[in-house]
Amino acid sequence: MEPTVARRIPPGADGVPNGQPLLHVDRLSKDFGGLRAVNGCSFSVRSGSITGLIGPNGAGKSTVFGLISGFLRPDEGRVYLDGDDITGLPPHQVFRRGLCRTFQIPREHASLTVLENLMLVPPDQLGERFWNPLLRPLAVRRQERTIREKAQEVLEFLTLSHLRDEYAGTLSGGQKKLLELARTLMADPRIVLLDEPAAGVNPSLMARIREQLVQLNAERGITFLLIEHDIPLVMGLCDPVIVMNQGTKLAEGPPALVRGDPRVLEAYLGGQYGAADD
């Protein structure tokens, strides 16, 4: 499937609400051998939202993330970012368009410091071209100083400044999740896909991450789409909540509506939010 970035969301695309969404996936499907991991999945994410994506293990959530972010190519369907077709674009081009993702298992550069991990993120750095340090040393140093200052501001915002000179490989699991979030902020994203931000994170650190997601959403207008198995976290943080099961969308809506949906209770929640919450 060739990328066709000139295309826009077609009229009548499945699952498109009133008004153009920031992100829309239209009838995505993906097979791995004889297994259909994603099966005609469609949903939209509106700009400025914190949208939750939940479902049982094997529902296809992480595969959808891979299809959206360019790490996987769909067998069928399209992905649109702000109306433009980004289907099949490689991850670095999706990244340049303002869509970033984190991973359930953080992918830090373990042998670099926390600060260095952040300074690697901005693309097209002058120092990456071997002749610029020789021919344009002042410009290289000026840009590096600007990137360093931005990285320090991000670390301060996420209260990671005290770890700036620590090697990333020595951080705890929760600190690595914060580092992944910090790296996305270096790219000035429009939308961030968060893959299980609460996994392996102690409750106090997760409360801090939650507060910072809310602050980033409210103050910087960053849109979030997050996969999470911590249902209380999702129900308290996200609106709307999208539920996947067997590779496709099962339900979508405000948390109160989703948690009372009999199909969701049967497929995933297992009565965790039953009549006692009514």
C-alpha atoms as a PDB file:
ATOM      1  CA  MET A   1       0.000   0.000   0.000  1.00  0.00           C
ATOM      2  CA  GLU A   2       1.530   3.306  -1.099  1.00  0.00           C
ATOM      3  CA  PRO A   3       1.237   6.429   1.061  1.00  0.00           C
ATOM      4  CA  THR A   4      -1.136   8.986  -0.423  1.00  0.00           C
ATOM      5  CA  VAL A   5      -0.705  12.108   1.657  1.00  0.00           C
ATOM      6  CA  ALA A   6      -2.663  14.328  -0.717  1.00  0.00           C
ATOM      7  CA  ARG A   7      -5.912  12.518   0.075  1.00  0.00           C
ATOM      8  CA  ARG A   8      -8.390  13.922   2.580  1.00  0.00           C
ATOM      9  CA  ILE A   9     -11.011  12.169   4.678  1.00  0.00           C
ATOM     10  CA  PRO A  10     -13.634  11.090   2.142  1.00  0.00           C
ATOM     11  CA  PRO A  11     -17.282  12.073   2.611  1.00  0.00           C
ATOM     12  CA  GLY A  12     -19.143   9.474   4.633  1.00  0.00           C
ATOM     13  CA  ALA A  13     -16.017   7.852   6.084  1.00  0.00           C
ATOM     14  CA  ASP A  14     -16.945   5.377   8.792  1.00  0.00           C
ATOM     15  CA  GLY A  15     -17.013   6.796  12.310  1.00  0.00           C
ATOM     16  CA  VAL A  16     -16.309  10.452  11.506  1.00  0.00           C
ATOM     17  CA  PRO A  17     -18.195  12.768  13.891  1.00  0.00           C
ATOM     18  CA  ASN A  18     -19.473  16.227  13.050  1.00  0.00           C
ATOM     19  CA  GLY A  19     -16.431  18.373  12.353  1.00  0.00           C
ATOM     20  CA  GLN A  20     -13.074  17.090  11.183  1.00  0.00           C
ATOM     21  CA  PRO A  21     -11.233  15.088  13.867  1.00  0.00           C
ATOM     22  CA  LEU A  22      -7.527  15.446  14.531  1.00  0.00           C
ATOM     23  CA  LEU A  23      -7.027  11.698  14.050  1.00  0.00           C
ATOM     24  CA  HIS A  24      -9.282   9.292  12.179  1.00  0.00           C
ATOM     25  CA  VAL A  25      -8.781   5.610  11.409  1.00  0.00           C
ATOM     26  CA  ASP A  26     -11.097   4.247   8.749  1.00  0.00           C
ATOM     27  CA  ARG A  27     -11.771   0.492   8.498  1.00  0.00           C
ATOM     28  CA  LEU A  28      -8.230  -0.580   9.435  1.00  0.00           C
ATOM     29  CA  SER A  29      -7.372  -4.268   9.107  1.00  0.00           C
ATOM     30  CA  LYS A  30      -4.120  -6.127   9.735  1.00  0.00           C
ATOM     31  CA  ASP A  31      -3.306  -9.824   9.428  1.00  0.00           C
ATOM     32  CA  PHE A  32      -0.336 -11.687  10.856  1.00  0.00           C
ATOM     33  CA  GLY A  33      -0.250 -14.963   8.982  1.00  0.00           C
ATOM     34  CA  GLY A  34      -3.655 -16.536   9.553  1.00  0.00           C
ATOM     35  CA  LEU A  35      -4.494 -14.265  12.489  1.00  0.00           C
ATOM     36  CA  ARG A  36      -6.535 -11.092  11.934  1.00  0.00           C
ATOM     37  CA  ALA A  37      -5.302  -8.771  14.695  1.00  0.00           C
ATOM     38  CA  VAL A  38      -7.326  -5.731  13.561  1.00  0.00           C
ATOM     39  CA  ASN A  39     -10.597  -6.171  11.722  1.00  0.00           C
ATOM     40  CA  GLY A  40     -12.216  -3.153  10.045  1.00  0.00           C
ATOM     41  CA  CYS A  41     -11.593  -0.842  13.008  1.00  0.00           C
ATOM     42  CA  SER A  42     -12.799   2.765  12.753  1.00  0.00           C
ATOM     43  CA  PHE A  43     -12.763   5.585  15.281  1.00  0.00           C
ATOM     44  CA  SER A  44     -11.849   9.249  15.611  1.00  0.00           C
ATOM     45  CA  VAL A  45      -9.987  11.350  18.164  1.00  0.00           C
ATOM     46  CA  ARG A  46     -11.058  14.946  18.508  1.00  0.00           C
ATOM     47  CA  SER A  47      -8.504  17.697  18.960  1.00  0.00           C
ATOM     48  CA  GLY A  48      -7.904  18.652  22.589  1.00  0.00           C
ATOM     49  CA  SER A  49      -9.241  15.408  24.048  1.00  0.00           C
ATOM     50  CA  ILE A  50      -7.722  12.779  26.293  1.00  0.00           C
ATOM     51  CA  THR A  51      -9.164   9.646  24.713  1.00  0.00           C
ATOM     52  CA  GLY A  52      -8.855   6.204  26.277  1.00  0.00           C
ATOM     53  CA  LEU A  53      -8.493   2.990  24.276  1.00  0.00           C
ATOM     54  CA  ILE A  54      -9.261  -0.114  26.330  1.00  0.00           C
ATOM     55  CA  GLY A  55     -10.037  -3.765  25.723  1.00  0.00           C
ATOM     56  CA  PRO A  56      -8.961  -7.265  26.747  1.00  0.00           C
ATOM     57  CA  ASN A  57      -5.521  -8.615  25.944  1.00  0.00           C
ATOM     58  CA  GLY A  58      -5.367  -9.472  22.253  1.00  0.00           C
ATOM     59  CA  ALA A  59      -8.059  -6.961  21.287  1.00  0.00           C
ATOM     60  CA  GLY A  60      -5.703  -5.289  18.783  1.00  0.00           C
ATOM     61  CA  LYS A  61      -4.988  -2.042  20.633  1.00  0.00           C
ATOM     62  CA  SER A  62      -1.193  -2.014  20.293  1.00  0.00           C
ATOM     63  CA  THR A  63      -1.467  -3.155  16.675  1.00  0.00           C
ATOM     64  CA  VAL A  64      -3.710  -0.149  15.975  1.00  0.00           C
ATOM     65  CA  PHE A  65      -1.054   2.089  17.552  1.00  0.00           C
ATOM     66  CA  GLY A  66       1.536   0.546  15.255  1.00  0.00           C
ATOM     67  CA  LEU A  67      -0.682   1.129  12.207  1.00  0.00           C
ATOM     68  CA  ILE A  68      -1.367   4.752  13.153  1.00  0.00           C
ATOM     69  CA  SER A  69       2.271   5.622  13.873  1.00  0.00           C
ATOM     70  CA  GLY A  70       3.737   3.938  10.786  1.00  0.00           C
ATOM     71  CA  PHE A  71       5.519   1.042  12.511  1.00  0.00           C
ATOM     72  CA  LEU A  72       3.085  -1.324  10.754  1.00  0.00           C
ATOM     73  CA  ARG A  73       1.392  -1.087   7.359  1.00  0.00           C
ATOM     74  CA  PRO A  74      -2.327  -1.890   7.190  1.00  0.00           C
ATOM     75  CA  ASP A  75      -3.650  -4.540   4.841  1.00  0.00           C
ATOM     76  CA  GLU A  76      -6.830  -2.489   4.463  1.00  0.00           C
ATOM     77  CA  GLY A  77      -8.085   0.904   5.585  1.00  0.00           C
ATOM     78  CA  ARG A  78      -6.686   4.404   5.940  1.00  0.00           C
ATOM     79  CA  VAL A  79      -5.245   6.668   8.635  1.00  0.00           C
ATOM     80  CA  TYR A  80      -5.877  10.425   8.566  1.00  0.00           C
ATOM     81  CA  LEU A  81      -4.128  13.112  10.608  1.00  0.00           C
ATOM     82  CA  ASP A  82      -5.894  16.475  10.579  1.00  0.00           C
ATOM     83  CA  GLY A  83      -7.681  15.347   7.414  1.00  0.00           C
ATOM     84  CA  ASP A  84      -4.550  14.301   5.511  1.00  0.00           C
ATOM     85  CA  ASP A  85      -4.014  10.678   4.538  1.00  0.00           C
ATOM     86  CA  ILE A  86      -0.846   9.438   6.269  1.00  0.00           C
ATOM     87  CA  THR A  87      -1.429   5.740   5.574  1.00  0.00           C
ATOM     88  CA  GLY A  88       1.835   3.909   4.970  1.00  0.00           C
ATOM     89  CA  LEU A  89       4.133   6.815   5.814  1.00  0.00           C
ATOM     90  CA  PRO A  90       7.247   5.661   7.697  1.00  0.00           C
ATOM     91  CA  PRO A  91       7.429   6.523  11.409  1.00  0.00           C
ATOM     92  CA  HIS A  92       9.858   9.431  10.996  1.00  0.00           C
ATOM     93  CA  GLN A  93       7.511  11.176   8.562  1.00  0.00           C
ATOM     94  CA  VAL A  94       4.506  10.611  10.831  1.00  0.00           C
ATOM     95  CA  PHE A  95       6.623  12.029  13.680  1.00  0.00           C
ATOM     96  CA  ARG A  96       7.419  15.156  11.640  1.00  0.00           C
ATOM     97  CA  ARG A  97       3.681  15.748  11.165  1.00  0.00           C
ATOM     98  CA  GLY A  98       3.196  16.045  14.922  1.00  0.00           C
ATOM     99  CA  LEU A  99       2.149  12.527  15.925  1.00  0.00           C
ATOM    100  CA  CYS A 100       4.365  10.881  18.553  1.00  0.00           C
ATOM    101  CA  ARG A 101       4.021   7.629  20.440  1.00  0.00           C
ATOM    102  CA  THR A 102       5.460   5.995  23.529  1.00  0.00           C
ATOM    103  CA  PHE A 103       5.858   2.287  24.130  1.00  0.00           C
ATOM    104  CA  GLN A 104       4.702  -0.057  26.861  1.00  0.00           C
ATOM    105  CA  ILE A 105       8.370  -0.974  27.375  1.00  0.00           C
ATOM    106  CA  PRO A 106      10.340   2.316  27.241  1.00  0.00           C
ATOM    107  CA  ARG A 107      12.937   2.610  24.488  1.00  0.00           C
ATOM    108  CA  GLU A 108      15.431   4.993  26.036  1.00  0.00           C
ATOM    109  CA  HIS A 109      19.070   5.296  24.922  1.00  0.00           C
ATOM    110  CA  ALA A 110      20.451   3.596  28.007  1.00  0.00           C
ATOM    111  CA  SER A 111      24.076   4.689  27.565  1.00  0.00           C
ATOM    112  CA  LEU A 112      23.174   8.384  27.225  1.00  0.00           C
ATOM    113  CA  THR A 113      22.197  10.760  29.993  1.00  0.00           C
ATOM    114  CA  VAL A 114      18.619  11.896  30.487  1.00  0.00           C
ATOM    115  CA  LEU A 115      19.498  15.311  29.040  1.00  0.00           C
ATOM    116  CA  GLU A 116      21.220  13.767  26.029  1.00  0.00           C
ATOM    117  CA  ASN A 117      18.174  11.571  25.358  1.00  0.00           C
ATOM    118  CA  LEU A 118      16.070  14.713  25.006  1.00  0.00           C
ATOM    119  CA  MET A 119      18.594  16.626  22.919  1.00  0.00           C
ATOM    120  CA  LEU A 120      18.628  13.857  20.315  1.00  0.00           C
ATOM    121  CA  VAL A 121      14.933  14.308  19.492  1.00  0.00           C
ATOM    122  CA  PRO A 122      14.665  17.510  17.387  1.00  0.00           C
ATOM    123  CA  PRO A 123      15.138  16.676  13.683  1.00  0.00           C
ATOM    124  CA  ASP A 124      17.395  18.410  11.162  1.00  0.00           C
ATOM    125  CA  GLN A 125      20.045  19.506  13.636  1.00  0.00           C
ATOM    126  CA  LEU A 126      22.888  21.393  11.970  1.00  0.00           C
ATOM    127  CA  GLY A 127      25.537  19.368  13.767  1.00  0.00           C
ATOM    128  CA  GLU A 128      24.289  16.178  12.118  1.00  0.00           C
ATOM    129  CA  ARG A 129      25.917  17.250   8.836  1.00  0.00           C
ATOM    130  CA  PHE A 130      29.639  16.672   9.103  1.00  0.00           C
ATOM    131  CA  TRP A 131      30.659  19.922   7.354  1.00  0.00           C
ATOM    132  CA  ASN A 132      28.585  22.298   9.481  1.00  0.00           C
ATOM    133  CA  PRO A 133      30.757  22.120  12.631  1.00  0.00           C
ATOM    134  CA  LEU A 134      33.660  23.178  10.412  1.00  0.00           C
ATOM    135  CA  LEU A 135      31.939  25.737   8.195  1.00  0.00           C
ATOM    136  CA  ARG A 136      29.185  27.037  10.526  1.00  0.00           C
ATOM    137  CA  PRO A 137      30.423  26.477  14.085  1.00  0.00           C
ATOM    138  CA  LEU A 138      28.584  29.479  15.543  1.00  0.00           C
ATOM    139  CA  ALA A 139      25.254  28.385  14.053  1.00  0.00           C
ATOM    140  CA  VAL A 140      25.779  24.836  15.331  1.00  0.00           C
ATOM    141  CA  ARG A 141      26.574  26.039  18.863  1.00  0.00           C
ATOM    142  CA  ARG A 142      23.641  28.477  18.837  1.00  0.00           C
ATOM    143  CA  GLN A 143      21.179  25.763  17.830  1.00  0.00           C
ATOM    144  CA  GLU A 144      22.624  23.322  20.358  1.00  0.00           C
ATOM    145  CA  ARG A 145      22.242  25.934  23.101  1.00  0.00           C
ATOM    146  CA  THR A 146      18.594  26.475  22.135  1.00  0.00           C
ATOM    147  CA  ILE A 147      17.892  22.726  22.163  1.00  0.00           C
ATOM    148  CA  ARG A 148      19.647  22.325  25.526  1.00  0.00           C
ATOM    149  CA  GLU A 149      17.569  25.137  27.051  1.00  0.00           C
ATOM    150  CA  LYS A 150      14.360  23.566  25.754  1.00  0.00           C
ATOM    151  CA  ALA A 151      15.388  20.164  27.137  1.00  0.00           C
ATOM    152  CA  GLN A 152      16.087  21.690  30.528  1.00  0.00           C
ATOM    153  CA  GLU A 153      12.667  23.386  30.510  1.00  0.00           C
ATOM    154  CA  VAL A 154      10.975  20.059  29.699  1.00  0.00           C
ATOM    155  CA  LEU A 155      12.872  18.304  32.484  1.00  0.00           C
ATOM    156  CA  GLU A 156      11.904  21.023  34.930  1.00  0.00           C
ATOM    157  CA  PHE A 157       8.237  20.787  33.904  1.00  0.00           C
ATOM    158  CA  LEU A 158       8.234  17.010  34.472  1.00  0.00           C
ATOM    159  CA  THR A 159      10.294  17.371  37.689  1.00  0.00           C
ATOM    160  CA  LEU A 160      13.141  15.349  36.220  1.00  0.00           C
ATOM    161  CA  SER A 161      15.822  18.031  36.508  1.00  0.00           C
ATOM    162  CA  HIS A 162      17.569  16.193  39.337  1.00  0.00           C
ATOM    163  CA  LEU A 163      18.128  13.254  36.956  1.00  0.00           C
ATOM    164  CA  ARG A 164      19.436  15.208  33.973  1.00  0.00           C
ATOM    165  CA  ASP A 165      22.990  13.838  34.213  1.00  0.00           C
ATOM    166  CA  GLU A 166      22.018  10.270  35.130  1.00  0.00           C
ATOM    167  CA  TYR A 167      22.359   7.546  32.519  1.00  0.00           C
ATOM    168  CA  ALA A 168      18.890   6.683  31.243  1.00  0.00           C
ATOM    169  CA  GLY A 169      19.504   2.958  31.716  1.00  0.00           C
ATOM    170  CA  THR A 170      19.752   3.437  35.492  1.00  0.00           C
ATOM    171  CA  LEU A 171      16.272   4.977  35.890  1.00  0.00           C
ATOM    172  CA  SER A 172      13.344   3.187  37.483  1.00  0.00           C
ATOM    173  CA  GLY A 173      10.475   1.972  35.319  1.00  0.00           C
ATOM    174  CA  GLY A 174       8.315   4.946  36.249  1.00  0.00           C
ATOM    175  CA  GLN A 175      11.118   7.425  35.616  1.00  0.00           C
ATOM    176  CA  LYS A 176      11.661   5.881  32.178  1.00  0.00           C
ATOM    177  CA  LYS A 177       7.953   6.438  31.420  1.00  0.00           C
ATOM    178  CA  LEU A 178       8.410  10.103  32.340  1.00  0.00           C
ATOM    179  CA  LEU A 179      11.519  10.248  30.148  1.00  0.00           C
ATOM    180  CA  GLU A 180       9.515   8.892  27.197  1.00  0.00           C
ATOM    181  CA  LEU A 181       6.913  11.590  27.774  1.00  0.00           C
ATOM    182  CA  ALA A 182       9.679  14.196  27.987  1.00  0.00           C
ATOM    183  CA  ARG A 183      11.105  13.037  24.667  1.00  0.00           C
ATOM    184  CA  THR A 184       7.730  13.459  22.965  1.00  0.00           C
ATOM    185  CA  LEU A 185       7.482  17.024  24.316  1.00  0.00           C
ATOM    186  CA  MET A 186      10.777  17.880  22.615  1.00  0.00           C
ATOM    187  CA  ALA A 187       8.974  17.326  19.298  1.00  0.00           C
ATOM    188  CA  ASP A 188       6.146  19.821  20.048  1.00  0.00           C
ATOM    189  CA  PRO A 189       3.522  17.159  19.250  1.00  0.00           C
ATOM    190  CA  ARG A 190      -0.091  17.759  18.314  1.00  0.00           C
ATOM    191  CA  ILE A 191      -1.105  14.279  19.446  1.00  0.00           C
ATOM    192  CA  VAL A 192       0.662  11.684  21.600  1.00  0.00           C
ATOM    193  CA  LEU A 193      -0.163   7.963  21.629  1.00  0.00           C
ATOM    194  CA  LEU A 194       0.584   6.591  25.106  1.00  0.00           C
ATOM    195  CA  ASP A 195       0.943   2.821  25.401  1.00  0.00           C
ATOM    196  CA  GLU A 196       0.121   1.750  28.975  1.00  0.00           C
ATOM    197  CA  PRO A 197       1.666   4.700  30.862  1.00  0.00           C
ATOM    198  CA  ALA A 198       0.679   3.145  34.225  1.00  0.00           C
ATOM    199  CA  ALA A 199       2.312  -0.257  33.640  1.00  0.00           C
ATOM    200  CA  GLY A 200       5.075  -0.863  36.157  1.00  0.00           C
ATOM    201  CA  VAL A 201       4.681   2.571  37.754  1.00  0.00           C
ATOM    202  CA  ASN A 202       4.141   3.006  41.470  1.00  0.00           C
ATOM    203  CA  PRO A 203       0.915   4.805  42.490  1.00  0.00           C
ATOM    204  CA  SER A 204       2.537   8.034  43.668  1.00  0.00           C
ATOM    205  CA  LEU A 205       4.538   8.455  40.464  1.00  0.00           C
ATOM    206  CA  MET A 206       1.483   7.563  38.371  1.00  0.00           C
ATOM    207  CA  ALA A 207      -0.496  10.277  40.153  1.00  0.00           C
ATOM    208  CA  ARG A 208       2.202  12.729  39.107  1.00  0.00           C
ATOM    209  CA  ILE A 209       2.130  11.508  35.501  1.00  0.00           C
ATOM    210  CA  ARG A 210      -1.656  11.850  35.502  1.00  0.00           C
ATOM    211  CA  GLU A 211      -1.467  15.449  36.739  1.00  0.00           C
ATOM    212  CA  GLN A 212       1.092  16.307  34.084  1.00  0.00           C
ATOM    213  CA  LEU A 213      -1.016  14.794  31.298  1.00  0.00           C
ATOM    214  CA  VAL A 214      -3.961  16.912  32.402  1.00  0.00           C
ATOM    215  CA  GLN A 215      -1.745  20.004  32.557  1.00  0.00           C
ATOM    216  CA  LEU A 216      -0.213  19.368  29.126  1.00  0.00           C
ATOM    217  CA  ASN A 217      -3.684  18.874  27.679  1.00  0.00           C
ATOM    218  CA  ALA A 218      -5.143  22.006  29.302  1.00  0.00           C
ATOM    219  CA  GLU A 219      -2.206  24.410  28.967  1.00  0.00           C
ATOM    220  CA  ARG A 220      -0.486  23.266  25.777  1.00  0.00           C
ATOM    221  CA  GLY A 221      -3.459  21.795  23.947  1.00  0.00           C
ATOM    222  CA  ILE A 222      -1.802  18.428  23.364  1.00  0.00           C
ATOM    223  CA  THR A 223      -4.223  15.675  22.398  1.00  0.00           C
ATOM    224  CA  PHE A 224      -3.694  12.244  23.962  1.00  0.00           C
ATOM    225  CA  LEU A 225      -4.823   8.772  22.942  1.00  0.00           C
ATOM    226  CA  LEU A 226      -3.844   6.204  25.547  1.00  0.00           C
ATOM    227  CA  ILE A 227      -4.004   2.448  25.911  1.00  0.00           C
ATOM    228  CA  GLU A 228      -4.392   1.430  29.525  1.00  0.00           C
ATOM    229  CA  HIS A 229      -5.497  -1.548  31.607  1.00  0.00           C
ATOM    230  CA  ASP A 230      -5.868   0.548  34.770  1.00  0.00           C
ATOM    231  CA  ILE A 231      -9.622   1.044  34.410  1.00  0.00           C
ATOM    232  CA  PRO A 232     -10.067   3.507  37.323  1.00  0.00           C
ATOM    233  CA  LEU A 233      -7.329   5.652  35.766  1.00  0.00           C
ATOM    234  CA  VAL A 234      -8.996   5.600  32.354  1.00  0.00           C
ATOM    235  CA  MET A 235     -12.467   6.313  33.725  1.00  0.00           C
ATOM    236  CA  GLY A 236     -11.167   9.256  35.763  1.00  0.00           C
ATOM    237  CA  LEU A 237      -8.901  10.742  33.103  1.00  0.00           C
ATOM    238  CA  CYS A 238     -10.356  10.047  29.653  1.00  0.00           C
ATOM    239  CA  ASP A 239     -13.390  11.299  27.779  1.00  0.00           C
ATOM    240  CA  PRO A 240     -14.335   9.642  25.521  1.00  0.00           C
ATOM    241  CA  VAL A 241     -13.388   6.009  26.096  1.00  0.00           C
ATOM    242  CA  ILE A 242     -13.149   3.637  23.113  1.00  0.00           C
ATOM    243  CA  VAL A 243     -13.457  -0.103  23.715  1.00  0.00           C
ATOM    244  CA  MET A 244     -11.941  -2.648  21.326  1.00  0.00           C
ATOM    245  CA  ASN A 245     -12.676  -6.365  21.210  1.00  0.00           C
ATOM    246  CA  GLN A 246     -11.554  -8.952  18.676  1.00  0.00           C
ATOM    247  CA  GLY A 247      -9.828  -6.376  16.504  1.00  0.00           C
ATOM    248  CA  THR A 248     -12.655  -3.882  16.100  1.00  0.00           C
ATOM    249  CA  LYS A 249     -14.426  -1.102  17.991  1.00  0.00           C
ATOM    250  CA  LEU A 250     -17.051  -2.450  20.357  1.00  0.00           C
ATOM    251  CA  ALA A 251     -18.246   0.727  22.075  1.00  0.00           C
ATOM    252  CA  GLU A 252     -17.418   4.414  22.469  1.00  0.00           C
ATOM    253  CA  GLY A 253     -18.641   7.227  24.660  1.00  0.00           C
ATOM    254  CA  PRO A 254     -18.292   9.035  27.983  1.00  0.00           C
ATOM    255  CA  PRO A 255     -16.862   6.895  30.807  1.00  0.00           C
ATOM    256  CA  ALA A 256     -20.188   6.526  32.628  1.00  0.00           C
ATOM    257  CA  LEU A 257     -21.891   5.303  29.469  1.00  0.00           C
ATOM    258  CA  VAL A 258     -19.121   2.902  28.498  1.00  0.00           C
ATOM    259  CA  ARG A 259     -18.755   1.316  31.900  1.00  0.00           C
ATOM    260  CA  GLY A 260     -22.470   0.528  31.976  1.00  0.00           C
ATOM    261  CA  ASP A 261     -22.602  -0.965  28.483  1.00  0.00           C
ATOM    262  CA  PRO A 262     -23.534  -4.678  28.805  1.00  0.00           C
ATOM    263  CA  ARG A 263     -21.309  -5.564  25.846  1.00  0.00           C
ATOM    264  CA  VAL A 264     -18.306  -3.966  27.557  1.00  0.00           C
ATOM    265  CA  LEU A 265     -19.051  -5.647  30.858  1.00  0.00           C
ATOM    266  CA  GLU A 266     -19.240  -9.008  29.137  1.00  0.00           C
ATOM    267  CA  ALA A 267     -16.153  -8.545  26.962  1.00  0.00           C
ATOM    268  CA  TYR A 268     -13.775  -6.810  29.324  1.00  0.00           C
ATOM    269  CA  LEU A 269     -14.805  -5.238  32.587  1.00  0.00           C
ATOM    270  CA  GLY A 270     -16.268  -8.409  34.055  1.00  0.00           C
ATOM    271  CA  GLY A 271     -18.702  -6.628  36.323  1.00  0.00           C
ATOM    272  CA  GLN A 272     -16.041  -4.369  37.875  1.00  0.00           C
ATOM    273  CA  TYR A 273     -18.366  -1.416  37.316  1.00  0.00           C
ATOM    274  CA  GLY A 274     -21.746  -2.945  37.969  1.00  0.00           C
ATOM    275  CA  ALA A 275     -24.934  -1.976  39.727  1.00  0.00           C
ATOM    276  CA  ALA A 276     -23.078  -0.930  42.873  1.00  0.00           C
ATOM    277  CA  ASP A 277     -21.845   2.163  41.032  1.00  0.00           C
ATOM    278  CA  ASP A 278     -25.327   3.223  39.910  1.00  0.00           C
END
